[in-house]
Each structure stands twice: as structure tokens, then as C-alpha cells.
Amino acid sequence: MVLPELSIPMKDIGQAAKMPHYLDVNYFNGLHGRALPPAVGIKLARPDLTVIAYSGDGCNYDEGGNHFIHTIRRRLDITILTSNNQVYGLTKGQSSPTTDSSVKNDLSPGGNENIPLNPIALAITMGAPFVARCFASDKDHMEEIIKEAILFFKGTALVDILQPCVTFNKINTYQWLRERVFKIEKPIADRYEAIKTAELWGDRIPIGVIYRNDAALCREIKEIFRERIKKEDIENQLAMRCVMMR
């Protein structure tokens, strides 16, 4: 897939966030779990840019979980890509937000006692108009889904990528997933049916565009940025005692 010339991938410092390092693009390094706030700011300031925020399940759904929710609320044309390996791989295998219950690791020897986060259901519930999942083993299908999210949908799009950690996750392996994933042939337009589909996990795991709403409104631009920012505008902003973006 060829990214548009005016595209800006956003990333943080997690393991999955190294993806832009392998692409011939300009990108922005955010803080851990903070790929989305600068993505929102850049999209507001430069709506002509294609903005892609890429990170892992720990960064997007845990440290950046609040940003994930509020980015969806802002209704901007941003694509969120998440490599979901259901574990914190960079920090040696502790439970992430998407780790299944009862899974044991060095920091949870008795098993994970938390309910795993379902990012697909959460995104649909929060009103994301494009929500998809793909499996890293099926590269052609994954390329098709990511291309649709970036190039052929206008609005906030989430693509959750099942990408097993071969070192620390010995349960949700490539073989385990190959035996369970099934493709959704066409996007689900009914929100409630999409949520029911998103709840499937275990014996059957759906991949594809789980929800798509082309009628959803996409916020174009914030009024403060309708004209090119001048030097005095920046000086005025810096002189303010408190600046908050809503």
C-alpha cells in the first residue's frame, strides 16, 4: 500500500510504535500512550493531511485509553491502527488491557483477574463510524482493511490488528488464531448487530469491517484554524493563563 504524499503517521514510544521507522514518511513521536493527542492537534491545524495514529494495545487502550475514547468523540478524519498482541511485550510479558482472564504470567502468577477490554465493542459504543479487525497472518486481507480505513473512509476509523507476541504470549498464538478467525464478507451497518458481532471471542473471532456508518458526520475543522496562524496569534495564545482544547 502506498500512503498519500501528505500523510503524517503518529506514534508513541511503545514497541508496536516503531512502524513509521520503516516507512519513507514524516512522522511524530509522542509520549508513551500519547499518540492520539498530537494526532488530533495536527488534524485540526492541517485538515489537508492524512493522519494515522499507530501503537499497541497497551498504549492505545491503557495508558492512552482516555485519549482513545475522546478521540472518537471528536469525530475527526483520523485512522487509529492498533497492534494487539494481548500482552505487554516490551516490558517482558505482563497483562495488557486485552489479556484474557485467568492468563498467568510472571506478574500475575495466579492468573489475570481483570475483565479484558473489548476495543471493538467500546469503539462502536462510543460512536466510531468505522471499526475493523484484521489478523497479521493474512497480509492481503490486512492490507485491504487498512487501505479502506485510510483511503476510502472519511471519519474516525479504528483497525485492531491481531498480531501475536511469539515470545511472551503462548496462548493467543498464530495457530490459535488461525483456528478461530472468520471473515465478515461485508461491513455491518446495523450498530446493534455490530456490537453483538464484536462480543464474539474464543471459539469464533470475527475479522473484517465489523461496523461502518457512512452517514456519520465528520468534523471538518475547528474555527480557530480557519485562517493561517500568524505570529501575533501564537503570541496571544502563549500570553493566555490557561488554554484548553475542547
Protein backbone atom coordinates (compact mmCIF):
# COMPACT_ATOMS: atom_id res chain seq x y z
CA MET A 1 0.00 0.00 0.00
CA VAL A 2 1.27 3.47 -0.91
CA LEU A 3 0.48 6.16 1.64
CA PRO A 4 -0.74 9.54 0.38
CA GLU A 5 2.04 12.08 -0.10
CA LEU A 6 0.61 14.37 2.58
CA SER A 7 0.35 11.75 5.32
CA ILE A 8 1.57 12.03 8.91
CA PRO A 9 1.83 8.84 10.98
CA MET A 10 1.71 9.49 14.73
CA LYS A 11 3.35 7.16 17.25
CA ASP A 12 4.43 6.92 20.85
CA ILE A 13 7.36 5.05 22.39
CA GLY A 14 5.87 1.57 22.70
CA GLN A 15 7.21 -1.47 20.87
CA ALA A 16 4.49 -1.50 18.21
CA ALA A 17 5.04 2.19 17.56
CA LYS A 18 8.24 1.55 15.62
CA MET A 19 6.24 1.04 12.44
CA PRO A 20 6.85 4.54 10.99
CA HIS A 21 10.60 3.94 11.29
CA TYR A 22 10.30 1.54 8.38
CA LEU A 23 8.34 3.90 6.12
CA ASP A 24 9.53 6.76 3.94
CA VAL A 25 7.31 9.35 5.62
CA ASN A 26 7.47 12.22 8.07
CA TYR A 27 6.16 11.18 11.48
CA PHE A 28 5.75 12.48 15.01
CA ASN A 29 6.96 10.75 18.19
CA GLY A 30 4.55 11.22 21.08
CA LEU A 31 4.91 10.14 24.69
CA HIS A 32 4.03 6.64 25.87
CA GLY A 33 0.33 6.14 25.27
CA ARG A 34 0.04 9.62 23.76
CA ALA A 35 -0.06 9.09 20.00
CA LEU A 36 -3.62 10.39 19.73
CA PRO A 37 -3.49 13.90 21.29
CA PRO A 38 -0.93 15.23 18.76
CA ALA A 39 -2.84 13.42 16.01
CA VAL A 40 -5.94 15.42 16.96
CA GLY A 41 -3.96 18.67 17.08
CA ILE A 42 -2.33 18.12 13.70
CA LYS A 43 -5.63 17.20 12.06
CA LEU A 44 -7.27 20.34 13.44
CA ALA A 45 -4.41 22.55 12.28
CA ARG A 46 -3.87 20.81 8.92
CA PRO A 47 -7.07 19.09 7.79
CA ASP A 48 -5.48 18.53 4.38
CA LEU A 49 -3.12 15.94 5.90
CA THR A 50 -3.87 12.23 6.16
CA VAL A 51 -3.32 11.50 9.86
CA ILE A 52 -2.65 7.95 11.06
CA ALA A 53 -2.09 7.08 14.74
CA TYR A 54 -0.30 3.78 15.28
CA SER A 55 0.55 1.99 18.52
CA GLY A 56 -0.06 -1.17 20.55
CA ASP A 57 -2.88 -2.40 22.77
CA GLY A 58 -1.09 -1.25 25.92
CA CYS A 59 -0.54 2.26 24.61
CA ASN A 60 -3.85 2.89 22.83
CA TYR A 61 -6.15 1.03 25.25
CA ASP A 62 -4.39 1.50 28.61
CA GLU A 63 -2.05 4.48 29.08
CA GLY A 64 -3.87 6.19 26.23
CA GLY A 65 -7.30 4.73 26.92
CA ASN A 66 -8.81 8.09 27.83
CA HIS A 67 -7.38 9.63 24.66
CA PHE A 68 -8.81 6.72 22.65
CA ILE A 69 -12.32 7.42 23.94
CA HIS A 70 -12.17 11.18 23.46
CA THR A 71 -10.56 10.99 20.02
CA ILE A 72 -13.61 9.01 18.90
CA ARG A 73 -15.84 11.70 20.42
CA ARG A 74 -14.12 14.44 18.40
CA ARG A 75 -15.33 12.96 15.06
CA LEU A 76 -12.18 13.79 13.10
CA ASP A 77 -10.87 12.06 9.99
CA ILE A 78 -8.12 10.08 11.78
CA THR A 79 -7.19 6.42 11.34
CA ILE A 80 -6.21 4.56 14.53
CA LEU A 81 -4.15 1.41 13.98
CA THR A 82 -3.51 -0.84 16.98
CA SER A 83 -1.20 -3.87 17.06
CA ASN A 84 -3.00 -6.04 19.59
CA ASN A 85 -0.85 -8.89 20.95
CA GLN A 86 -2.77 -9.11 24.26
CA VAL A 87 0.38 -8.62 26.33
CA TYR A 88 2.96 -6.00 27.25
CA GLY A 89 5.78 -7.36 25.09
CA LEU A 90 8.34 -4.58 25.50
CA THR A 91 8.23 -4.83 29.29
CA LYS A 92 8.52 -8.62 29.45
CA GLY A 93 5.06 -10.07 29.30
CA GLN A 94 2.73 -8.66 31.94
CA SER A 95 -1.01 -8.43 31.34
CA SER A 96 -2.28 -5.73 28.98
CA PRO A 97 -5.86 -4.39 28.80
CA THR A 98 -6.76 -7.10 26.26
CA THR A 99 -5.18 -10.08 28.07
CA ASP A 100 -7.79 -12.79 28.58
CA SER A 101 -8.96 -13.50 32.12
CA SER A 102 -7.07 -16.17 34.10
CA VAL A 103 -3.99 -15.98 31.86
CA LYS A 104 -0.85 -16.45 34.00
CA ASN A 105 2.41 -14.53 33.65
CA ASP A 106 5.33 -13.50 35.87
CA LEU A 107 3.44 -10.57 37.39
CA SER A 108 0.11 -12.43 37.61
CA PRO A 109 1.16 -15.94 38.68
CA GLY A 110 -2.36 -16.64 39.90
CA GLY A 111 -3.86 -15.56 36.60
CA ASN A 112 -5.18 -12.24 35.26
CA GLU A 113 -8.15 -11.26 37.43
CA ASN A 114 -9.28 -8.37 35.23
CA ILE A 115 -12.01 -8.46 32.61
CA PRO A 116 -10.33 -7.96 29.22
CA LEU A 117 -11.14 -4.75 27.37
CA ASN A 118 -13.07 -5.21 24.15
CA PRO A 119 -11.80 -2.33 21.97
CA ILE A 120 -14.13 -3.19 19.09
CA ALA A 121 -17.28 -3.04 21.22
CA LEU A 122 -16.01 0.05 23.04
CA ALA A 123 -15.33 1.93 19.80
CA ILE A 124 -18.76 1.09 18.37
CA THR A 125 -20.48 2.06 21.62
CA MET A 126 -18.63 5.41 21.66
CA GLY A 127 -19.84 6.15 18.14
CA ALA A 128 -16.82 5.37 15.96
CA PRO A 129 -18.19 5.15 12.41
CA PHE A 130 -15.60 2.67 11.11
CA VAL A 131 -14.44 -0.24 13.26
CA ALA A 132 -12.49 -3.19 11.89
CA ARG A 133 -10.24 -6.05 12.92
CA CYS A 134 -7.66 -7.95 10.91
CA PHE A 135 -5.13 -10.73 11.53
CA ALA A 136 -1.43 -10.20 10.83
CA SER A 137 -1.11 -13.69 9.35
CA ASP A 138 -3.47 -12.78 6.50
CA LYS A 139 -1.43 -9.99 4.93
CA ASP A 140 -3.62 -9.46 1.87
CA HIS A 141 -6.78 -9.09 3.94
CA MET A 142 -4.96 -6.83 6.41
CA GLU A 143 -3.76 -4.55 3.61
CA GLU A 144 -7.29 -4.39 2.20
CA ILE A 145 -8.78 -3.39 5.57
CA ILE A 146 -6.12 -0.77 6.37
CA LYS A 147 -6.35 0.71 2.88
CA GLU A 148 -10.14 1.00 3.21
CA ALA A 149 -9.80 2.75 6.58
CA ILE A 150 -7.19 5.27 5.40
CA LEU A 151 -8.08 5.93 1.78
CA PHE A 152 -11.75 5.10 1.33
CA PHE A 153 -13.45 6.23 4.53
CA LYS A 154 -13.86 9.76 5.84
CA GLY A 155 -14.13 9.84 9.61
CA THR A 156 -12.61 8.27 12.71
CA ALA A 157 -11.55 4.72 11.90
CA LEU A 158 -10.20 2.01 14.20
CA VAL A 159 -8.35 -1.04 12.88
CA ASP A 160 -7.47 -3.52 15.61
CA ILE A 161 -4.71 -5.81 14.31
CA LEU A 162 -4.36 -9.22 15.94
CA GLN A 163 -0.59 -9.59 15.98
CA PRO A 164 0.58 -12.41 18.31
CA CYS A 165 3.63 -11.95 20.51
CA VAL A 166 5.65 -15.11 19.85
CA THR A 167 7.87 -14.53 22.91
CA PHE A 168 5.52 -13.81 25.80
CA ASN A 169 2.02 -14.84 24.70
CA LYS A 170 1.96 -18.62 24.43
CA ILE A 171 -1.83 -18.83 24.39
CA ASN A 172 -3.11 -16.47 21.67
CA THR A 173 -0.62 -17.76 19.10
CA TYR A 174 -0.78 -17.63 15.31
CA GLN A 175 -2.05 -21.21 15.25
CA TRP A 176 -4.65 -20.49 17.96
CA LEU A 177 -5.98 -17.55 15.96
CA ARG A 178 -5.90 -19.35 12.59
CA GLU A 179 -8.26 -21.96 14.04
CA ARG A 180 -10.75 -19.32 15.19
CA VAL A 181 -10.86 -16.27 12.93
CA PHE A 182 -13.56 -15.94 10.29
CA LYS A 183 -14.08 -13.15 7.77
CA ILE A 184 -17.08 -10.86 7.66
CA GLU A 185 -17.93 -10.67 3.99
CA LYS A 186 -19.39 -7.16 4.05
CA PRO A 187 -19.46 -4.32 6.59
CA ILE A 188 -22.22 -4.42 9.19
CA ALA A 189 -24.36 -1.29 9.00
CA ASP A 190 -26.64 -2.01 11.97
CA ARG A 191 -24.95 -0.78 15.15
CA TYR A 192 -26.58 -3.30 17.47
CA GLU A 193 -25.73 -6.23 15.21
CA ALA A 194 -22.18 -4.91 15.05
CA ILE A 195 -21.91 -4.83 18.86
CA LYS A 196 -23.21 -8.41 19.04
CA THR A 197 -20.59 -9.44 16.48
CA ALA A 198 -17.89 -7.55 18.39
CA GLU A 199 -18.70 -9.59 21.50
CA LEU A 200 -17.68 -12.82 19.75
CA TRP A 201 -14.39 -14.13 21.13
CA GLY A 202 -12.98 -17.54 21.94
CA ASP A 203 -14.21 -20.25 19.59
CA ARG A 204 -15.05 -17.77 16.82
CA ILE A 205 -13.33 -14.42 16.27
CA PRO A 206 -14.60 -12.10 13.52
CA ILE A 207 -12.21 -10.17 11.29
CA GLY A 208 -13.12 -7.59 8.67
CA VAL A 209 -15.11 -4.36 8.84
CA ILE A 210 -17.33 -5.03 11.83
CA TYR A 211 -19.11 -1.68 11.67
CA ARG A 212 -19.31 1.04 9.03
CA ASN A 213 -21.57 4.09 9.08
CA ASP A 214 -21.07 6.28 6.03
CA ALA A 215 -23.81 8.64 7.21
CA ALA A 216 -21.90 9.65 10.34
CA LEU A 217 -20.90 13.29 10.45
CA CYS A 218 -17.19 14.03 10.21
CA ARG A 219 -15.99 17.20 11.90
CA GLU A 220 -14.05 19.18 9.35
CA ILE A 221 -12.14 21.89 11.17
CA LYS A 222 -12.13 23.93 14.33
CA GLU A 223 -12.98 27.61 13.83
CA ILE A 224 -9.75 28.84 15.39
CA PHE A 225 -7.84 27.27 12.50
CA ARG A 226 -9.94 28.53 9.57
CA GLU A 227 -7.21 31.02 8.65
CA ARG A 228 -3.47 30.51 8.60
CA ILE A 229 -1.99 31.23 12.03
CA LYS A 230 0.06 34.42 12.25
CA LYS A 231 2.89 35.29 14.61
CA GLU A 232 0.68 37.54 16.71
CA ASP A 233 -1.87 34.73 17.08
CA ILE A 234 0.77 32.49 18.64
CA GLU A 235 1.95 35.30 20.91
CA ASN A 236 -1.63 35.89 22.06
CA GLN A 237 -2.12 32.18 22.80
CA LEU A 238 1.12 31.98 24.78
CA ALA A 239 0.08 35.02 26.81
CA MET A 240 -3.12 33.31 27.95
CA ARG A 241 -3.06 31.96 31.50
CA CYS A 242 -4.91 28.75 30.65
CA VAL A 243 -5.51 27.15 27.26
CA MET A 244 -7.81 24.16 26.90
CA MET A 245 -8.87 22.39 23.70
CA ARG A 246 -12.47 21.20 23.63
